[in-house]
Protein backbone atom coordinates (compact mmCIF):
# COMPACT_ATOMS: atom_id res chain seq x y z
CA MET A 1 3.57 -62.10 18.02
CA PRO A 2 6.49 -61.63 15.66
CA ALA A 3 4.18 -59.96 13.14
CA MET A 4 2.91 -57.57 15.82
CA ALA A 5 6.44 -56.77 16.92
CA PHE A 6 7.41 -56.04 13.32
CA PHE A 7 4.46 -53.67 12.97
CA ARG A 8 5.36 -51.87 16.13
CA GLY A 9 8.92 -51.51 14.95
CA LYS A 10 7.83 -49.95 11.68
CA SER A 11 5.44 -47.66 13.53
CA GLY A 12 8.24 -46.48 15.76
CA GLN A 13 10.45 -45.78 12.75
CA TRP A 14 7.71 -43.75 11.09
CA SER A 15 7.13 -41.85 14.34
CA ALA A 16 10.83 -41.05 14.68
CA ALA A 17 11.03 -39.99 11.04
CA GLY A 18 8.01 -37.75 11.50
CA GLY A 19 9.64 -36.11 14.53
CA VAL A 20 12.84 -35.38 12.61
CA PHE A 21 10.83 -33.99 9.69
CA TRP A 22 8.85 -31.71 12.03
CA GLU A 23 12.07 -30.42 13.64
CA TYR A 24 13.51 -29.53 10.23
CA ALA A 25 10.21 -27.96 9.18
CA GLN A 26 10.15 -25.81 12.32
CA ALA A 27 13.75 -24.69 11.77
CA ILE A 28 13.04 -23.79 8.13
CA LEU A 29 9.84 -21.94 9.08
CA ILE A 30 11.62 -19.93 11.79
CA ALA A 31 14.44 -19.09 9.37
CA LEU A 32 11.94 -17.90 6.74
CA VAL A 33 10.06 -15.76 9.26
CA LEU A 34 13.32 -14.20 10.49
CA ALA A 35 14.49 -13.57 6.92
CA LEU A 36 11.16 -11.92 6.05
CA PHE A 37 11.30 -9.80 9.20
CA ILE A 38 14.87 -8.67 8.50
CA ARG A 39 14.07 -7.92 4.84
CA THR A 40 10.95 -5.95 5.74
CA PHE A 41 12.16 -3.95 8.71
CA VAL A 42 15.97 -4.09 9.05
CA ILE A 43 18.00 -4.47 5.84
CA GLN A 44 17.27 -5.38 2.22
CA ALA A 45 19.40 -6.08 -0.82
CA PHE A 46 18.84 -4.21 -4.09
CA GLN A 47 20.51 -4.27 -7.50
CA ILE A 48 21.18 -1.09 -9.49
CA PRO A 49 19.48 -1.42 -12.92
CA SER A 50 20.30 1.94 -14.53
CA GLY A 51 23.03 4.57 -14.77
CA SER A 52 21.19 7.45 -13.09
CA MET A 53 23.49 7.31 -10.02
CA GLU A 54 26.82 6.88 -11.85
CA ARG A 55 29.61 7.23 -10.76
CA THR A 56 28.46 6.74 -7.18
CA LEU A 57 26.63 3.55 -8.13
CA LEU A 58 27.18 1.55 -11.31
CA VAL A 59 24.79 -0.66 -13.24
CA GLY A 60 25.13 -4.08 -11.66
CA ASP A 61 26.08 -2.88 -8.18
CA HIS A 62 24.39 -4.92 -5.47
CA ILE A 63 23.72 -2.80 -2.40
CA LEU A 64 22.37 -3.10 1.12
CA VAL A 65 19.68 -0.68 2.29
CA ASN A 66 19.18 0.10 5.98
CA LYS A 67 15.39 0.05 6.41
CA PHE A 68 15.63 0.99 10.09
CA ALA A 69 17.53 4.23 9.42
CA TYR A 70 14.45 6.45 9.36
CA GLY A 71 12.22 4.50 11.72
CA VAL A 72 9.84 1.58 11.19
CA ARG A 73 6.74 1.82 9.00
CA ASN A 74 3.82 -0.42 8.19
CA PRO A 75 4.96 -2.08 4.92
CA PHE A 76 1.43 -1.87 3.49
CA THR A 77 0.06 1.53 4.58
CA ARG A 78 3.47 3.21 5.20
CA ALA A 79 2.10 4.49 8.55
CA THR A 80 4.81 5.16 11.15
CA TRP A 81 5.18 2.51 13.85
CA ILE A 82 8.50 3.59 15.38
CA PRO A 83 9.60 7.14 14.51
CA GLY A 84 13.19 7.82 13.53
CA HIS A 85 15.19 10.79 12.33
CA PRO A 86 14.13 12.10 8.90
CA PRO A 87 16.30 11.81 5.76
CA GLN A 88 19.05 14.41 5.55
CA ARG A 89 20.48 16.32 2.59
CA GLY A 90 23.05 14.17 0.85
CA ASP A 91 21.56 10.81 1.91
CA VAL A 92 21.21 8.21 -0.83
CA ILE A 93 17.75 6.72 -0.40
CA VAL A 94 15.55 4.02 -1.91
CA PHE A 95 11.88 4.93 -2.24
CA VAL A 96 8.64 3.97 -3.93
CA TYR A 97 8.51 5.69 -7.33
CA PRO A 98 5.61 8.20 -7.13
CA LEU A 99 4.39 7.53 -10.70
CA ASP A 100 4.48 3.72 -10.46
CA ARG A 101 4.22 2.22 -6.98
CA ASP A 102 5.39 -1.17 -8.26
CA LYS A 103 8.87 0.29 -8.83
CA ASP A 104 11.58 1.34 -6.39
CA TYR A 105 13.97 4.18 -7.25
CA ILE A 106 17.29 5.27 -5.77
CA LYS A 107 18.41 8.92 -5.70
CA ARG A 108 20.22 11.45 -3.52
CA VAL A 109 18.33 13.80 -1.22
CA ILE A 110 18.90 17.41 -2.28
CA GLY A 111 16.15 19.26 -0.45
CA VAL A 112 14.22 18.56 2.76
CA PRO A 113 10.92 20.16 3.85
CA GLY A 114 11.09 23.95 3.67
CA ASP A 115 14.19 24.08 1.46
CA ARG A 116 14.24 26.31 -1.61
CA VAL A 117 15.82 24.36 -4.49
CA GLN A 118 16.98 25.82 -7.80
CA VAL A 119 19.18 24.67 -10.70
CA ILE A 120 21.02 27.37 -12.64
CA ASN A 121 23.14 26.29 -15.61
CA LYS A 122 23.44 22.79 -14.08
CA ARG A 123 24.57 24.12 -10.71
CA VAL A 124 22.28 23.12 -7.81
CA TYR A 125 21.43 25.70 -5.14
CA VAL A 126 19.66 25.03 -1.85
CA ASN A 127 18.43 28.06 0.10
CA GLY A 128 20.59 30.27 -2.10
CA ALA A 129 23.84 28.39 -1.46
CA PRO A 130 25.58 25.96 -3.85
CA PHE A 131 24.83 22.35 -2.98
CA PRO A 132 28.14 20.52 -2.45
CA ASP A 133 28.52 17.88 -5.14
CA PRO A 134 29.50 14.46 -3.75
CA PRO A 135 32.59 12.88 -5.38
CA GLY A 136 30.50 10.63 -7.65
CA VAL A 137 28.46 13.39 -9.33
CA GLN A 138 29.03 13.75 -13.07
CA TYR A 139 27.80 15.96 -15.91
CA ASP A 140 28.00 15.77 -19.69
CA GLU A 141 30.65 17.96 -21.24
CA GLY A 142 29.63 20.76 -23.56
CA PRO A 143 27.66 23.99 -23.43
CA VAL A 144 24.26 22.51 -24.37
CA LEU A 145 21.63 23.38 -21.77
CA ALA A 146 18.24 21.67 -21.53
CA PRO A 147 15.17 23.25 -19.88
CA ARG A 148 14.17 21.76 -16.51
CA ARG A 149 17.26 19.56 -16.49
CA ASP A 150 19.83 22.38 -16.42
CA ASN A 151 17.68 25.34 -15.36
CA PHE A 152 14.91 24.57 -12.92
CA GLY A 153 12.90 26.29 -10.21
CA PRO A 154 13.07 27.73 -7.74
CA VAL A 155 10.68 25.46 -5.84
CA VAL A 156 10.04 25.08 -2.12
CA VAL A 157 9.94 21.52 -0.82
CA PRO A 158 6.55 20.98 0.87
CA GLU A 159 6.14 19.52 4.33
CA GLY A 160 6.46 15.75 4.43
CA HIS A 161 8.35 15.56 1.11
CA LEU A 162 11.85 15.47 -0.34
CA PHE A 163 13.52 16.79 -3.50
CA VAL A 164 15.83 14.15 -4.98
CA MET A 165 18.26 13.95 -7.90
CA GLY A 166 20.50 11.35 -9.47
CA ASP A 167 24.27 11.79 -9.29
CA ASN A 168 24.45 11.33 -13.07
CA ARG A 169 22.79 14.70 -13.34
CA ASP A 170 22.32 14.85 -17.12
CA HIS A 171 20.90 11.32 -17.32
CA SER A 172 18.53 11.07 -14.40
CA ALA A 173 14.75 11.19 -14.24
CA ASP A 174 14.19 12.75 -10.83
CA SER A 175 12.33 15.49 -8.94
CA ARG A 176 13.08 17.97 -11.71
CA PHE A 177 10.71 16.01 -13.96
CA TRP A 178 8.17 14.17 -11.78
CA GLY A 179 8.08 16.11 -8.52
CA PHE A 180 8.66 15.47 -4.84
CA VAL A 181 8.99 12.18 -2.92
CA PRO A 182 6.69 11.69 0.09
CA ILE A 183 8.83 10.87 3.12
CA ARG A 184 6.40 8.08 4.03
CA ASP A 185 7.45 6.30 0.80
CA VAL A 186 11.15 6.21 1.68
CA LEU A 187 12.13 2.55 2.12
CA GLY A 188 15.57 3.12 3.61
CA LYS A 189 19.09 4.49 3.31
CA ALA A 190 21.62 2.90 0.94
CA VAL A 191 24.67 2.03 3.02
CA LEU A 192 26.98 -0.55 1.37
CA ILE A 193 28.02 -2.16 -1.93
CA TYR A 194 28.38 -5.90 -1.29
CA TRP A 195 28.81 -7.11 -4.89
CA SER A 196 29.19 -5.63 -8.36
CA CYS A 197 28.49 -7.49 -11.58
CA PRO A 198 26.14 -6.49 -14.41
CA ASN A 199 23.60 -9.08 -15.52
CA PRO A 200 22.58 -8.26 -19.10
CA THR A 201 20.67 -11.53 -19.53
CA GLY A 202 18.49 -11.13 -16.44
CA VAL A 203 19.19 -14.74 -15.45
CA PRO A 204 20.35 -14.93 -11.81
CA VAL A 205 24.02 -15.94 -11.31
CA LEU A 206 24.41 -17.24 -14.88
CA GLY A 207 24.03 -13.74 -16.31
CA CYS A 208 26.89 -12.50 -14.15
CA PHE A 209 29.12 -15.39 -15.26
CA ALA A 210 28.29 -14.58 -18.88
CA TYR A 211 29.29 -10.96 -18.30
CA MET A 212 32.55 -12.03 -16.62
CA ALA A 213 33.42 -14.27 -19.57
CA HIS A 214 33.14 -11.40 -22.07
CA ASN A 215 34.16 -8.43 -19.90
CA TRP A 216 36.77 -9.80 -17.53
CA ASP A 217 38.80 -6.58 -17.23
CA ASP A 218 35.72 -4.54 -16.31
CA PHE A 219 34.64 -7.15 -13.77
CA VAL A 220 38.08 -7.12 -12.12
CA SER A 221 38.03 -3.32 -12.01
CA ARG A 222 34.80 -3.50 -10.00
CA LEU A 223 36.14 -5.74 -7.26
CA HIS A 224 37.58 -2.84 -5.28
CA ARG A 225 34.03 -1.49 -4.91
CA ILE A 226 32.94 -4.45 -2.79
CA GLY A 227 32.56 -3.29 0.80
CA ASP A 228 32.48 0.42 -0.09
CA ARG A 229 30.15 2.55 1.98
CA ILE A 230 27.69 4.62 -0.06
CA ARG A 231 28.21 8.31 0.54
């Protein structure tokens, strides 16, 4: 009898342990599903890898992108599930790069369907009127003009597409060079900077600490950017 009682006691302990394990497993599974849902359809974090949007966005800025801003799409076919309002001129958007669908790009919307876009001596015109430069737009100094970059068009944005440009106008590969962005490939609207620290090593967290150790003044100067809305 004592041996049987001992066995039953152990069995009960294993059963209780299994129940606790299953509760934790369920909680973790639900959390993962919710995180995947939010990342796919609501909001997603991105890091800025290049200077094409300087000074609006700096290399090393970590941003949040509202994926619900323009409606909900099938993440695989990009078919519309829940329609939303289309991107507007001036929006900063993240989209699938048309020439390499494994890459995501970030640029500013300049022209929407039906717009006539032209660049004359670096000045952007939409439907014959100067496009208002946002505060972060920058150009190289000097009189040197490059074809396509500084004098382009005019072109008419086709239905279902956008014309986009980087705010660092003289150092941005954008619609002037590779064409229009299909609206169905827009992933969302960039809305907020939540962190800013370059990572030259590519190693998560440690790379940022390495940058801080060697570029403390620059890191401190970036802190005021945290929480800034992207305009």
